[in-house]
C-alpha cells in the first residue's frame, strides 16, 4: 500500500506541474490579449508592435486549444516564447508612457516585469 501511495504521489506531482504550467501560459496569454485590446494601453503601442503581439498571442491561444494534453515542458517552452516577444514590447510601452499608463491598468493586467500574476490551480 505504501509503494502504491508513493507511485501515485509521483504521478500527482507530475500532473500538478503540468496543470500549473498550462494555467500559467493560459493566464499570461489572456491577460496580454486583454491588455493589448485596452484602448488606453493599445494607443501607446506602435501598429507593428501591436500586430506582432496580437498575432503571437492568438497563435499561443490556438496552440493551447489544440494541445491540452501537452507535457509541462512544452507549456513552459511556449510561455518562454510568448514572454520573450511580449515583455520587451510592454516594457518599451511603459518606458515611453511614464506613470500615466499604470493608472489605466486593472489589477489583472500583466506587470512590466513579465510576471504572470495569480496562479490558478485546477482541481479534479
PDB file of N, CA and C in Angstrom:
ATOM      1  N   UNK A   1       0.833  -1.190   0.000  1.00  0.00           N
ATOM      2  CA  UNK A   1       0.000   0.000   0.000  1.00  0.00           C
ATOM      3  C   UNK A   1       0.885   1.264   0.000  1.00  0.00           C
ATOM      4  N   UNK A   2       1.976   1.220   0.752  1.00  0.00           N
ATOM      5  CA  UNK A   2       2.880   2.371   0.809  1.00  0.00           C
ATOM      6  C   UNK A   2       3.532   2.603  -0.549  1.00  0.00           C
ATOM      7  N   UNK A   3       3.931   1.513  -1.210  1.00  0.00           N
ATOM      8  CA  UNK A   3       4.549   1.629  -2.535  1.00  0.00           C
ATOM      9  C   UNK A   3       3.567   2.235  -3.538  1.00  0.00           C
ATOM     10  N   UNK A   4       2.327   1.806  -3.447  1.00  0.00           N
ATOM     11  CA  UNK A   4       1.293   2.337  -4.337  1.00  0.00           C
ATOM     12  C   UNK A   4       1.081   3.832  -4.087  1.00  0.00           C
ATOM     13  N   UNK A   5       1.094   4.222  -2.832  1.00  0.00           N
ATOM     14  CA  UNK A   5       0.938   5.639  -2.480  1.00  0.00           C
ATOM     15  C   UNK A   5       2.108   6.454  -3.015  1.00  0.00           C
ATOM     16  N   UNK A   6       3.314   5.923  -2.940  1.00  0.00           N
ATOM     17  CA  UNK A   6       4.488   6.621  -3.457  1.00  0.00           C
ATOM     18  C   UNK A   6       4.387   6.797  -4.970  1.00  0.00           C
ATOM     19  N   UNK A   7       3.927   5.769  -5.647  1.00  0.00           N
ATOM     20  CA  UNK A   7       3.782   5.839  -7.101  1.00  0.00           C
ATOM     21  C   UNK A   7       2.757   6.917  -7.481  1.00  0.00           C
ATOM     22  N   UNK A   8       1.651   6.938  -6.780  1.00  0.00           N
ATOM     23  CA  UNK A   8       0.630   7.938  -7.069  1.00  0.00           C
ATOM     24  C   UNK A   8       1.093   9.335  -6.693  1.00  0.00           C
ATOM     25  N   UNK A   9       1.909   9.432  -5.654  1.00  0.00           N
ATOM     26  CA  UNK A   9       2.433  10.735  -5.248  1.00  0.00           C
ATOM     27  C   UNK A   9       3.271  11.335  -6.377  1.00  0.00           C
ATOM     28  N   UNK A  10       4.114  10.534  -6.985  1.00  0.00           N
ATOM     29  CA  UNK A  10       4.943  10.999  -8.098  1.00  0.00           C
ATOM     30  C   UNK A  10       4.073  11.412  -9.283  1.00  0.00           C
ATOM     31  N   UNK A  11       3.085  10.605  -9.595  1.00  0.00           N
ATOM     32  CA  UNK A  11       2.173  10.928 -10.689  1.00  0.00           C
ATOM     33  C   UNK A  11       1.413  12.218 -10.398  1.00  0.00           C
ATOM     34  N   UNK A  12       0.976  12.384  -9.160  1.00  0.00           N
ATOM     35  CA  UNK A  12       0.251  13.600  -8.770  1.00  0.00           C
ATOM     36  C   UNK A  12       1.128  14.836  -8.899  1.00  0.00           C
ATOM     37  N   UNK A  13       2.388  14.713  -8.501  1.00  0.00           N
ATOM     38  CA  UNK A  13       3.311  15.847  -8.608  1.00  0.00           C
ATOM     39  C   UNK A  13       3.545  16.233 -10.064  1.00  0.00           C
ATOM     40  N   UNK A  14       3.692  15.229 -10.936  1.00  0.00           N
ATOM     41  CA  UNK A  14       3.871  15.497 -12.365  1.00  0.00           C
ATOM     42  C   UNK A  14       2.628  16.164 -12.949  1.00  0.00           C
ATOM     43  N   UNK A  15       1.472  15.673 -12.557  1.00  0.00           N
ATOM     44  CA  UNK A  15       0.217  16.248 -13.048  1.00  0.00           C
ATOM     45  C   UNK A  15       0.059  17.689 -12.557  1.00  0.00           C
ATOM     46  N   UNK A  16       0.416  17.932 -11.305  1.00  0.00           N
ATOM     47  CA  UNK A  16       0.326  19.281 -10.739  1.00  0.00           C
ATOM     48  C   UNK A  16       1.231  20.233 -11.503  1.00  0.00           C
ATOM     49  N   UNK A  17       2.445  19.811 -11.795  1.00  0.00           N
ATOM     50  CA  UNK A  17       3.384  20.649 -12.540  1.00  0.00           C
ATOM     51  C   UNK A  17       2.825  20.978 -13.928  1.00  0.00           C
ATOM     52  N   UNK A  18       2.238  19.983 -14.563  1.00  0.00           N
ATOM     53  CA  UNK A  18       1.661  20.175 -15.898  1.00  0.00           C
ATOM     54  C   UNK A  18       0.502  21.176 -15.856  1.00  0.00           C
ATOM     55  N   UNK A  19      -0.378  21.017 -14.882  1.00  0.00           N
ATOM     56  CA  UNK A  19      -1.541  21.901 -14.755  1.00  0.00           C
ATOM     57  C   UNK A  19      -1.096  23.336 -14.449  1.00  0.00           C
ATOM     58  N   UNK A  20      -0.111  23.477 -13.575  1.00  0.00           N
ATOM     59  CA  UNK A  20       0.385  24.815 -13.242  1.00  0.00           C
ATOM     60  C   UNK A  20       1.019  25.488 -14.452  1.00  0.00           C
ATOM     61  N   UNK A  21       1.789  24.744 -15.238  1.00  0.00           N
ATOM     62  CA  UNK A  21       2.423  25.308 -16.430  1.00  0.00           C
ATOM     63  C   UNK A  21       1.367  25.710 -17.465  1.00  0.00           C
ATOM     64  N   UNK A  22       0.357  24.867 -17.638  1.00  0.00           N
ATOM     65  CA  UNK A  22      -0.721  25.170 -18.586  1.00  0.00           C
ATOM     66  C   UNK A  22      -1.498  26.410 -18.147  1.00  0.00           C
ATOM     67  N   UNK A  23      -1.826  26.462 -16.858  1.00  0.00           N
ATOM     68  CA  UNK A  23      -2.577  27.605 -16.335  1.00  0.00           C
ATOM     69  C   UNK A  23      -1.770  28.892 -16.418  1.00  0.00           C
ATOM     70  N   UNK A  24      -0.474  28.812 -16.181  1.00  0.00           N
ATOM     71  CA  UNK A  24       0.375  29.996 -16.262  1.00  0.00           C
ATOM     72  C   UNK A  24       0.394  30.536 -17.689  1.00  0.00           C
ATOM     73  N   UNK A  25       0.548  29.654 -18.656  1.00  0.00           N
ATOM     74  CA  UNK A  25       0.553  30.081 -20.059  1.00  0.00           C
ATOM     75  C   UNK A  25      -0.797  30.663 -20.451  1.00  0.00           C
ATOM     76  N   UNK A  26      -1.851  29.988 -20.091  1.00  0.00           N
ATOM     77  CA  UNK A  26      -3.201  30.446 -20.412  1.00  0.00           C
ATOM     78  C   UNK A  26      -3.477  31.815 -19.785  1.00  0.00           C
ATOM     79  N   UNK A  27      -3.140  31.963 -18.529  1.00  0.00           N
ATOM     80  CA  UNK A  27      -3.362  33.211 -17.812  1.00  0.00           C
ATOM     81  C   UNK A  27      -2.571  34.358 -18.458  1.00  0.00           C
ATOM     82  N   UNK A  28      -1.318  34.109 -18.746  1.00  0.00           N
ATOM     83  CA  UNK A  28      -0.474  35.137 -19.349  1.00  0.00           C
ATOM     84  C   UNK A  28      -1.008  35.541 -20.731  1.00  0.00           C
ATOM     85  N   UNK A  29      -1.356  34.556 -21.541  1.00  0.00           N
ATOM     86  CA  UNK A  29      -1.835  34.840 -22.894  1.00  0.00           C
ATOM     87  C   UNK A  29      -3.121  35.672 -22.866  1.00  0.00           C
ATOM     88  N   UNK A  30      -4.060  35.283 -22.035  1.00  0.00           N
ATOM     89  CA  UNK A  30      -5.325  36.021 -21.982  1.00  0.00           C
ATOM     90  C   UNK A  30      -5.156  37.405 -21.357  1.00  0.00           C
ATOM     91  N   UNK A  31      -4.301  37.522 -20.342  1.00  0.00           N
ATOM     92  CA  UNK A  31      -4.032  38.841 -19.766  1.00  0.00           C
ATOM     93  C   UNK A  31      -3.376  39.762 -20.783  1.00  0.00           C
ATOM     94  N   UNK A  32      -2.427  39.221 -21.532  1.00  0.00           N
ATOM     95  CA  UNK A  32      -1.758  40.028 -22.561  1.00  0.00           C
ATOM     96  C   UNK A  32      -2.754  40.442 -23.647  1.00  0.00           C
ATOM     97  N   UNK A  33      -3.613  39.525 -24.041  1.00  0.00           N
ATOM     98  CA  UNK A  33      -4.607  39.847 -25.068  1.00  0.00           C
ATOM     99  C   UNK A  33      -5.524  40.964 -24.584  1.00  0.00           C
ATOM    100  N   UNK A  34      -5.984  40.871 -23.342  1.00  0.00           N
ATOM    101  CA  UNK A  34      -6.846  41.916 -22.792  1.00  0.00           C
ATOM    102  C   UNK A  34      -6.100  43.239 -22.661  1.00  0.00           C
ATOM    103  N   UNK A  35      -4.846  43.177 -22.295  1.00  0.00           N
ATOM    104  CA  UNK A  35      -4.037  44.388 -22.163  1.00  0.00           C
ATOM    105  C   UNK A  35      -3.883  45.077 -23.506  1.00  0.00           C
ATOM    106  N   UNK A  36      -3.566  44.335 -24.523  1.00  0.00           N
ATOM    107  CA  UNK A  36      -3.348  44.909 -25.859  1.00  0.00           C
ATOM    108  C   UNK A  36      -4.650  45.455 -26.441  1.00  0.00           C
ATOM    109  N   UNK A  37      -5.774  44.869 -26.072  1.00  0.00           N
ATOM    110  CA  UNK A  37      -7.059  45.349 -26.587  1.00  0.00           C
ATOM    111  C   UNK A  37      -7.592  46.561 -25.825  1.00  0.00           C
ATOM    112  N   UNK A  38      -7.028  46.845 -24.656  1.00  0.00           N
ATOM    113  CA  UNK A  38      -7.434  48.015 -23.875  1.00  0.00           C
ATOM    114  C   UNK A  38      -6.983  49.273 -24.622  1.00  0.00           C
ATOM    115  N   UNK A  39      -7.919  50.145 -24.946  1.00  0.00           N
ATOM    116  CA  UNK A  39      -7.617  51.326 -25.752  1.00  0.00           C
ATOM    117  C   UNK A  39      -6.582  52.247 -25.116  1.00  0.00           C
ATOM    118  N   UNK A  40      -6.642  52.404 -23.801  1.00  0.00           N
ATOM    119  CA  UNK A  40      -5.676  53.277 -23.128  1.00  0.00           C
ATOM    120  C   UNK A  40      -4.260  52.761 -23.304  1.00  0.00           C
ATOM    121  N   UNK A  41      -4.118  51.465 -23.283  1.00  0.00           N
ATOM    122  CA  UNK A  41      -2.801  50.864 -23.412  1.00  0.00           C
ATOM    123  C   UNK A  41      -2.431  50.677 -24.874  1.00  0.00           C
ATOM    124  N   UNK A  42      -3.368  50.227 -25.679  1.00  0.00           N
ATOM    125  CA  UNK A  42      -3.100  49.976 -27.083  1.00  0.00           C
ATOM    126  C   UNK A  42      -2.664  51.247 -27.814  1.00  0.00           C
ATOM    127  N   UNK A  43      -3.160  52.376 -27.390  1.00  0.00           N
ATOM    128  CA  UNK A  43      -2.788  53.625 -28.053  1.00  0.00           C
ATOM    129  C   UNK A  43      -1.315  53.961 -27.829  1.00  0.00           C
ATOM    130  N   UNK A  44      -0.692  53.355 -26.847  1.00  0.00           N
ATOM    131  CA  UNK A  44       0.726  53.595 -26.552  1.00  0.00           C
ATOM    132  C   UNK A  44       1.641  52.699 -27.382  1.00  0.00           C
ATOM    133  N   UNK A  45       1.077  51.690 -28.049  1.00  0.00           N
ATOM    134  CA  UNK A  45       1.863  50.752 -28.847  1.00  0.00           C
ATOM    135  C   UNK A  45       1.926  51.190 -30.306  1.00  0.00           C
ATOM    136  N   UNK A  46       3.039  50.908 -30.951  1.00  0.00           N
ATOM    137  CA  UNK A  46       3.110  51.155 -32.390  1.00  0.00           C
ATOM    138  C   UNK A  46       2.244  50.114 -33.089  1.00  0.00           C
ATOM    139  N   UNK A  47       1.806  50.410 -34.281  1.00  0.00           N
ATOM    140  CA  UNK A  47       0.941  49.489 -35.024  1.00  0.00           C
ATOM    141  C   UNK A  47       1.655  48.168 -35.280  1.00  0.00           C
ATOM    142  N   UNK A  48       2.949  48.225 -35.595  1.00  0.00           N
ATOM    143  CA  UNK A  48       3.707  46.997 -35.849  1.00  0.00           C
ATOM    144  C   UNK A  48       3.805  46.141 -34.597  1.00  0.00           C
ATOM    145  N   UNK A  49       4.137  46.780 -33.461  1.00  0.00           N
ATOM    146  CA  UNK A  49       4.252  46.040 -32.206  1.00  0.00           C
ATOM    147  C   UNK A  49       2.914  45.426 -31.818  1.00  0.00           C
ATOM    148  N   UNK A  50       1.856  46.199 -31.959  1.00  0.00           N
ATOM    149  CA  UNK A  50       0.531  45.707 -31.584  1.00  0.00           C
ATOM    150  C   UNK A  50       0.145  44.503 -32.444  1.00  0.00           C
ATOM    151  N   UNK A  51       0.365  44.585 -33.735  1.00  0.00           N
ATOM    152  CA  UNK A  51       0.039  43.479 -34.638  1.00  0.00           C
ATOM    153  C   UNK A  51       0.871  42.252 -34.315  1.00  0.00           C
ATOM    154  N   UNK A  52       2.161  42.450 -34.081  1.00  0.00           N
ATOM    155  CA  UNK A  52       3.054  41.332 -33.780  1.00  0.00           C
ATOM    156  C   UNK A  52       2.639  40.643 -32.478  1.00  0.00           C
ATOM    157  N   UNK A  53       2.331  41.425 -31.460  1.00  0.00           N
ATOM    158  CA  UNK A  53       1.925  40.858 -30.174  1.00  0.00           C
ATOM    159  C   UNK A  53       0.583  40.141 -30.307  1.00  0.00           C
ATOM    160  N   UNK A  54      -0.373  40.772 -30.967  1.00  0.00           N
ATOM    161  CA  UNK A  54      -1.699  40.144 -31.134  1.00  0.00           C
ATOM    162  C   UNK A  54      -1.588  38.827 -31.889  1.00  0.00           C
ATOM    163  N   UNK A  55      -0.800  38.805 -32.963  1.00  0.00           N
ATOM    164  CA  UNK A  55      -0.642  37.573 -33.736  1.00  0.00           C
ATOM    165  C   UNK A  55       0.000  36.466 -32.902  1.00  0.00           C
ATOM    166  N   UNK A  56       1.020  36.821 -32.139  1.00  0.00           N
ATOM    167  CA  UNK A  56       1.709  35.839 -31.305  1.00  0.00           C
ATOM    168  C   UNK A  56       0.795  35.308 -30.216  1.00  0.00           C
ATOM    169  N   UNK A  57       0.007  36.181 -29.622  1.00  0.00           N
ATOM    170  CA  UNK A  57      -0.924  35.762 -28.576  1.00  0.00           C
ATOM    171  C   UNK A  57      -1.979  34.820 -29.152  1.00  0.00           C
ATOM    172  N   UNK A  58      -2.526  35.161 -30.303  1.00  0.00           N
ATOM    173  CA  UNK A  58      -3.538  34.303 -30.924  1.00  0.00           C
ATOM    174  C   UNK A  58      -2.957  32.940 -31.286  1.00  0.00           C
ATOM    175  N   UNK A  59      -1.715  32.924 -31.765  1.00  0.00           N
ATOM    176  CA  UNK A  59      -1.069  31.647 -32.069  1.00  0.00           C
ATOM    177  C   UNK A  59      -0.905  30.812 -30.805  1.00  0.00           C
ATOM    178  N   UNK A  60      -0.521  31.455 -29.714  1.00  0.00           N
ATOM    179  CA  UNK A  60      -0.349  30.739 -28.440  1.00  0.00           C
ATOM    180  C   UNK A  60      -1.685  30.183 -27.955  1.00  0.00           C
ATOM    181  N   UNK A  61      -2.748  30.963 -28.069  1.00  0.00           N
ATOM    182  CA  UNK A  61      -4.068  30.507 -27.630  1.00  0.00           C
ATOM    183  C   UNK A  61      -4.545  29.344 -28.504  1.00  0.00           C
ATOM    184  N   UNK A  62      -4.317  29.439 -29.806  1.00  0.00           N
ATOM    185  CA  UNK A  62      -4.688  28.341 -30.697  1.00  0.00           C
ATOM    186  C   UNK A  62      -3.883  27.083 -30.375  1.00  0.00           C
ATOM    187  N   UNK A  63      -2.596  27.275 -30.078  1.00  0.00           N
ATOM    188  CA  UNK A  63      -1.755  26.133 -29.705  1.00  0.00           C
ATOM    189  C   UNK A  63      -2.292  25.489 -28.425  1.00  0.00           C
ATOM    190  N   UNK A  64      -2.658  26.318 -27.448  1.00  0.00           N
ATOM    191  CA  UNK A  64      -3.225  25.806 -26.198  1.00  0.00           C
ATOM    192  C   UNK A  64      -4.485  24.990 -26.457  1.00  0.00           C
ATOM    193  N   UNK A  65      -5.359  25.520 -27.307  1.00  0.00           N
ATOM    194  CA  UNK A  65      -6.611  24.823 -27.607  1.00  0.00           C
ATOM    195  C   UNK A  65      -6.359  23.461 -28.245  1.00  0.00           C
ATOM    196  N   UNK A  66      -5.324  23.374 -29.062  1.00  0.00           N
ATOM    197  CA  UNK A  66      -5.036  22.126 -29.763  1.00  0.00           C
ATOM    198  C   UNK A  66      -4.112  21.184 -29.012  1.00  0.00           C
ATOM    199  N   UNK A  67      -3.536  21.633 -27.910  1.00  0.00           N
ATOM    200  CA  UNK A  67      -2.551  20.822 -27.195  1.00  0.00           C
ATOM    201  C   UNK A  67      -2.844  20.759 -25.700  1.00  0.00           C
ATOM    202  N   UNK A  68      -4.070  20.487 -25.348  1.00  0.00           N
ATOM    203  CA  UNK A  68      -4.465  20.426 -23.941  1.00  0.00           C
ATOM    204  C   UNK A  68      -3.726  19.326 -23.178  1.00  0.00           C
ATOM    205  N   UNK A  69      -3.256  18.315 -23.878  1.00  0.00           N
ATOM    206  CA  UNK A  69      -2.595  17.191 -23.225  1.00  0.00           C
ATOM    207  C   UNK A  69      -1.079  17.251 -23.348  1.00  0.00           C
ATOM    208  N   UNK A  70      -0.539  18.405 -23.692  1.00  0.00           N
ATOM    209  CA  UNK A  70       0.910  18.558 -23.817  1.00  0.00           C
ATOM    210  C   UNK A  70       1.570  18.384 -22.457  1.00  0.00           C
ATOM    211  N   UNK A  71       2.860  18.164 -22.467  1.00  0.00           N
ATOM    212  CA  UNK A  71       3.626  17.998 -21.232  1.00  0.00           C
ATOM    213  C   UNK A  71       3.999  19.361 -20.661  1.00  0.00           C
ATOM    214  N   UNK A  72       4.379  19.376 -19.386  1.00  0.00           N
ATOM    215  CA  UNK A  72       4.709  20.618 -18.686  1.00  0.00           C
ATOM    216  C   UNK A  72       5.822  21.382 -19.391  1.00  0.00           C
ATOM    217  N   UNK A  73       6.854  20.676 -19.857  1.00  0.00           N
ATOM    218  CA  UNK A  73       7.962  21.374 -20.507  1.00  0.00           C
ATOM    219  C   UNK A  73       7.538  22.033 -21.819  1.00  0.00           C
ATOM    220  N   UNK A  74       6.549  21.468 -22.501  1.00  0.00           N
ATOM    221  CA  UNK A  74       6.031  22.093 -23.723  1.00  0.00           C
ATOM    222  C   UNK A  74       5.297  23.395 -23.391  1.00  0.00           C
ATOM    223  N   UNK A  75       4.486  23.376 -22.323  1.00  0.00           N
ATOM    224  CA  UNK A  75       3.794  24.589 -21.888  1.00  0.00           C
ATOM    225  C   UNK A  75       4.809  25.652 -21.462  1.00  0.00           C
ATOM    226  N   UNK A  76       5.843  25.223 -20.732  1.00  0.00           N
ATOM    227  CA  UNK A  76       6.866  26.162 -20.272  1.00  0.00           C
ATOM    228  C   UNK A  76       7.632  26.778 -21.442  1.00  0.00           C
ATOM    229  N   UNK A  77       7.933  25.977 -22.447  1.00  0.00           N
ATOM    230  CA  UNK A  77       8.647  26.487 -23.631  1.00  0.00           C
ATOM    231  C   UNK A  77       7.779  27.496 -24.382  1.00  0.00           C
ATOM    232  N   UNK A  78       6.507  27.192 -24.527  1.00  0.00           N
ATOM    233  CA  UNK A  78       5.594  28.124 -25.203  1.00  0.00           C
ATOM    234  C   UNK A  78       5.491  29.427 -24.408  1.00  0.00           C
ATOM    235  N   UNK A  79       5.480  29.327 -23.087  1.00  0.00           N
ATOM    236  CA  UNK A  79       5.425  30.505 -22.222  1.00  0.00           C
ATOM    237  C   UNK A  79       6.664  31.370 -22.433  1.00  0.00           C
ATOM    238  N   UNK A  80       7.833  30.743 -22.493  1.00  0.00           N
ATOM    239  CA  UNK A  80       9.082  31.484 -22.712  1.00  0.00           C
ATOM    240  C   UNK A  80       9.036  32.209 -24.053  1.00  0.00           C
ATOM    241  N   UNK A  81       8.537  31.543 -25.080  1.00  0.00           N
ATOM    242  CA  UNK A  81       8.439  32.159 -26.406  1.00  0.00           C
ATOM    243  C   UNK A  81       7.518  33.378 -26.363  1.00  0.00           C
ATOM    244  N   UNK A  82       6.378  33.228 -25.722  1.00  0.00           N
ATOM    245  CA  UNK A  82       5.408  34.320 -25.647  1.00  0.00           C
ATOM    246  C   UNK A  82       5.971  35.481 -24.836  1.00  0.00           C
ATOM    247  N   UNK A  83       6.575  35.177 -23.699  1.00  0.00           N
ATOM    248  CA  UNK A  83       7.165  36.228 -22.872  1.00  0.00           C
ATOM    249  C   UNK A  83       8.308  36.938 -23.582  1.00  0.00           C
ATOM    250  N   UNK A  84       9.122  36.189 -24.330  1.00  0.00           N
ATOM    251  CA  UNK A  84      10.271  36.801 -25.000  1.00  0.00           C
ATOM    252  C   UNK A  84       9.832  37.821 -26.044  1.00  0.00           C
ATOM    253  N   UNK A  85       8.650  37.652 -26.601  1.00  0.00           N
ATOM    254  CA  UNK A  85       8.145  38.641 -27.558  1.00  0.00           C
ATOM    255  C   UNK A  85       7.380  39.755 -26.861  1.00  0.00           C
ATOM    256  N   UNK A  86       6.543  39.406 -25.912  1.00  0.00           N
ATOM    257  CA  UNK A  86       5.655  40.394 -25.292  1.00  0.00           C
ATOM    258  C   UNK A  86       6.363  41.295 -24.279  1.00  0.00           C
ATOM    259  N   UNK A  87       7.231  40.747 -23.480  1.00  0.00           N
ATOM    260  CA  UNK A  87       7.872  41.528 -22.417  1.00  0.00           C
ATOM    261  C   UNK A  87       8.612  42.762 -22.929  1.00  0.00           C
ATOM    262  N   UNK A  88       9.441  42.648 -23.963  1.00  0.00           N
ATOM    263  CA  UNK A  88      10.131  43.849 -24.447  1.00  0.00           C
ATOM    264  C   UNK A  88       9.174  44.916 -24.985  1.00  0.00           C
ATOM    265  N   UNK A  89       8.119  44.484 -25.638  1.00  0.00           N
ATOM    266  CA  UNK A  89       7.146  45.435 -26.191  1.00  0.00           C
ATOM    267  C   UNK A  89       6.432  46.165 -25.058  1.00  0.00           C
ATOM    268  N   UNK A  90       5.995  45.425 -24.046  1.00  0.00           N
ATOM    269  CA  UNK A  90       5.300  46.028 -22.909  1.00  0.00           C
ATOM    270  C   UNK A  90       6.253  46.924 -22.127  1.00  0.00           C
ATOM    271  N   UNK A  91       7.494  46.471 -21.934  1.00  0.00           N
ATOM    272  CA  UNK A  91       8.474  47.291 -21.208  1.00  0.00           C
ATOM    273  C   UNK A  91       8.741  48.592 -21.953  1.00  0.00           C
ATOM    274  N   UNK A  92       8.859  48.512 -23.270  1.00  0.00           N
ATOM    275  CA  UNK A  92       9.082  49.705 -24.081  1.00  0.00           C
ATOM    276  C   UNK A  92       7.891  50.656 -23.959  1.00  0.00           C
ATOM    277  N   UNK A  93       6.706  50.083 -23.939  1.00  0.00           N
ATOM    278  CA  UNK A  93       5.496  50.895 -23.809  1.00  0.00           C
ATOM    279  C   UNK A  93       5.490  51.616 -22.461  1.00  0.00           C
ATOM    280  N   UNK A  94       5.825  50.909 -21.392  1.00  0.00           N
ATOM    281  CA  UNK A  94       5.853  51.520 -20.065  1.00  0.00           C
ATOM    282  C   UNK A  94       6.912  52.611 -19.984  1.00  0.00           C
ATOM    283  N   UNK A  95       8.077  52.388 -20.558  1.00  0.00           N
ATOM    284  CA  UNK A  95       9.146  53.383 -20.524  1.00  0.00           C
ATOM    285  C   UNK A  95       8.743  54.638 -21.279  1.00  0.00           C
ATOM    286  N   UNK A  96       8.092  54.455 -22.398  1.00  0.00           N
ATOM    287  CA  UNK A  96       7.686  55.593 -23.209  1.00  0.00           C
ATOM    288  C   UNK A  96       6.485  56.331 -22.655  1.00  0.00           C
ATOM    289  N   UNK A  97       5.637  55.638 -21.898  1.00  0.00           N
ATOM    290  CA  UNK A  97       4.391  56.239 -21.432  1.00  0.00           C
ATOM    291  C   UNK A  97       4.524  56.895 -20.072  1.00  0.00           C
ATOM    292  N   UNK A  98       5.515  56.519 -19.305  1.00  0.00           N
ATOM    293  CA  UNK A  98       5.645  57.095 -17.969  1.00  0.00           C
ATOM    294  C   UNK A  98       4.629  56.511 -17.022  1.00  0.00           C
ATOM    295  N   UNK A  99       4.312  57.240 -15.974  1.00  0.00           N
ATOM    296  CA  UNK A  99       3.440  56.714 -14.925  1.00  0.00           C
ATOM    297  C   UNK A  99       1.963  56.764 -15.280  1.00  0.00           C
ATOM    298  N   UNK A 100       1.575  57.515 -16.301  1.00  0.00           N
ATOM    299  CA  UNK A 100       0.147  57.623 -16.614  1.00  0.00           C
ATOM    300  C   UNK A 100      -0.443  56.323 -17.116  1.00  0.00           C
ATOM    301  N   UNK A 101       0.355  55.408 -17.630  1.00  0.00           N
ATOM    302  CA  UNK A 101      -0.173  54.150 -18.147  1.00  0.00           C
ATOM    303  C   UNK A 101      -0.646  53.248 -17.013  1.00  0.00           C
ATOM    304  N   UNK A 102       0.026  53.289 -15.865  1.00  0.00           N
ATOM    305  CA  UNK A 102      -0.364  52.404 -14.777  1.00  0.00           C
ATOM    306  C   UNK A 102      -1.733  52.772 -14.215  1.00  0.00           C
ATOM    307  N   UNK A 103      -2.153  53.991 -14.402  1.00  0.00           N
ATOM    308  CA  UNK A 103      -3.477  54.388 -13.932  1.00  0.00           C
ATOM    309  C   UNK A 103      -4.570  53.671 -14.703  1.00  0.00           C
ATOM    310  N   UNK A 104      -4.299  53.290 -15.954  1.00  0.00           N
ATOM    311  CA  UNK A 104      -5.289  52.610 -16.770  1.00  0.00           C
ATOM    312  C   UNK A 104      -5.271  51.107 -16.621  1.00  0.00           C
ATOM    313  N   UNK A 105      -4.303  50.580 -15.907  1.00  0.00           N
ATOM    314  CA  UNK A 105      -4.193  49.128 -15.764  1.00  0.00           C
ATOM    315  C   UNK A 105      -5.145  48.634 -14.683  1.00  0.00           C
ATOM    316  N   UNK A 106      -5.752  47.485 -14.940  1.00  0.00           N
ATOM    317  CA  UNK A 106      -6.514  46.869 -13.882  1.00  0.00           C
ATOM    318  C   UNK A 106      -5.591  45.902 -13.141  1.00  0.00           C
ATOM    319  N   UNK A 107      -6.049  45.350 -12.053  1.00  0.00           N
ATOM    320  CA  UNK A 107      -5.195  44.500 -11.235  1.00  0.00           C
ATOM    321  C   UNK A 107      -4.816  43.213 -11.940  1.00  0.00           C
ATOM    322  N   UNK A 108      -5.576  42.792 -12.952  1.00  0.00           N
ATOM    323  CA  UNK A 108      -5.296  41.535 -13.632  1.00  0.00           C
ATOM    324  C   UNK A 108      -4.331  41.699 -14.784  1.00  0.00           C
ATOM    325  N   UNK A 109      -3.962  42.910 -15.124  1.00  0.00           N
ATOM    326  CA  UNK A 109      -3.055  43.132 -16.240  1.00  0.00           C
ATOM    327  C   UNK A 109      -1.654  42.683 -15.902  1.00  0.00           C
ATOM    328  N   UNK A 110      -0.872  42.319 -16.918  1.00  0.00           N
ATOM    329  CA  UNK A 110       0.476  41.854 -16.648  1.00  0.00           C
ATOM    330  C   UNK A 110       1.375  42.984 -16.179  1.00  0.00           C
ATOM    331  N   UNK A 111       2.278  42.665 -15.302  1.00  0.00           N
ATOM    332  CA  UNK A 111       3.237  43.638 -14.807  1.00  0.00           C
ATOM    333  C   UNK A 111       4.328  43.845 -15.842  1.00  0.00           C
ATOM    334  N   UNK A 112       4.993  44.989 -15.858  1.00  0.00           N
ATOM    335  CA  UNK A 112       6.008  45.230 -16.863  1.00  0.00           C
ATOM    336  C   UNK A 112       7.176  44.261 -16.759  1.00  0.00           C
ATOM    337  N   UNK A 113       7.378  43.642 -15.644  1.00  0.00           N
ATOM    338  CA  UNK A 113       8.481  42.697 -15.488  1.00  0.00           C
ATOM    339  C   UNK A 113       8.176  41.352 -16.124  1.00  0.00           C
ATOM    340  N   UNK A 114       6.958  41.138 -16.583  1.00  0.00           N
ATOM    341  CA  UNK A 114       6.585  39.885 -17.227  1.00  0.00           C
ATOM    342  C   UNK A 114       6.036  38.857 -16.258  1.00  0.00           C
ATOM    343  N   UNK A 115       5.731  39.253 -15.032  1.00  0.00           N
ATOM    344  CA  UNK A 115       5.181  38.284 -14.086  1.00  0.00           C
ATOM    345  C   UNK A 115       3.782  37.885 -14.535  1.00  0.00           C
ATOM    346  N   UNK A 116       3.344  36.723 -14.097  1.00  0.00           N
ATOM    347  CA  UNK A 116       2.075  36.193 -14.593  1.00  0.00           C
ATOM    348  C   UNK A 116       0.912  36.464 -13.681  1.00  0.00           C
ATOM    349  N   UNK A 117       1.130  37.059 -12.540  1.00  0.00           N
ATOM    350  CA  UNK A 117       0.029  37.360 -11.643  1.00  0.00           C
ATOM    351  C   UNK A 117      -0.389  36.153 -10.837  1.00  0.00           C
ATOM    352  N   UNK A 118      -1.626  36.088 -10.454  1.00  0.00           N
ATOM    353  CA  UNK A 118      -2.125  34.998  -9.630  1.00  0.00           C
ATOM    354  C   UNK A 118      -2.129  33.698 -10.409  1.00  0.00           C
ATOM    355  N   UNK A 119      -1.817  32.623  -9.725  1.00  0.00           N
ATOM    356  CA  UNK A 119      -1.858  31.324 -10.356  1.00  0.00           C
ATOM    357  C   UNK A 119      -3.220  30.689 -10.105  1.00  0.00           C
ATOM    358  N   UNK A 120      -3.685  29.959 -11.087  1.00  0.00           N
ATOM    359  CA  UNK A 120      -4.960  29.261 -10.980  1.00  0.00           C
ATOM    360  C   UNK A 120      -4.654  27.768 -10.984  1.00  0.00           C
ATOM    361  N   UNK A 121      -5.156  27.077  -9.995  1.00  0.00           N
ATOM    362  CA  UNK A 121      -4.895  25.665  -9.901  1.00  0.00           C
ATOM    363  C   UNK A 121      -6.172  24.895 -10.179  1.00  0.00           C
ATOM    364  N   UNK A 122      -6.066  23.895 -11.036  1.00  0.00           N
ATOM    365  CA  UNK A 122      -7.199  23.080 -11.406  1.00  0.00           C
ATOM    366  C   UNK A 122      -7.323  21.921 -10.425  1.00  0.00           C
ATOM    367  N   UNK A 123      -8.520  21.651  -9.969  1.00  0.00           N
ATOM    368  CA  UNK A 123      -8.750  20.559  -9.026  1.00  0.00           C
ATOM    369  C   UNK A 123      -9.682  19.554  -9.662  1.00  0.00           C
ATOM    370  N   UNK A 124      -9.279  18.289  -9.599  1.00  0.00           N
ATOM    371  CA  UNK A 124     -10.133  17.247 -10.178  1.00  0.00           C
ATOM    372  C   UNK A 124     -11.220  16.854  -9.241  1.00  0.00           C
TER     373      UNK A 124
END
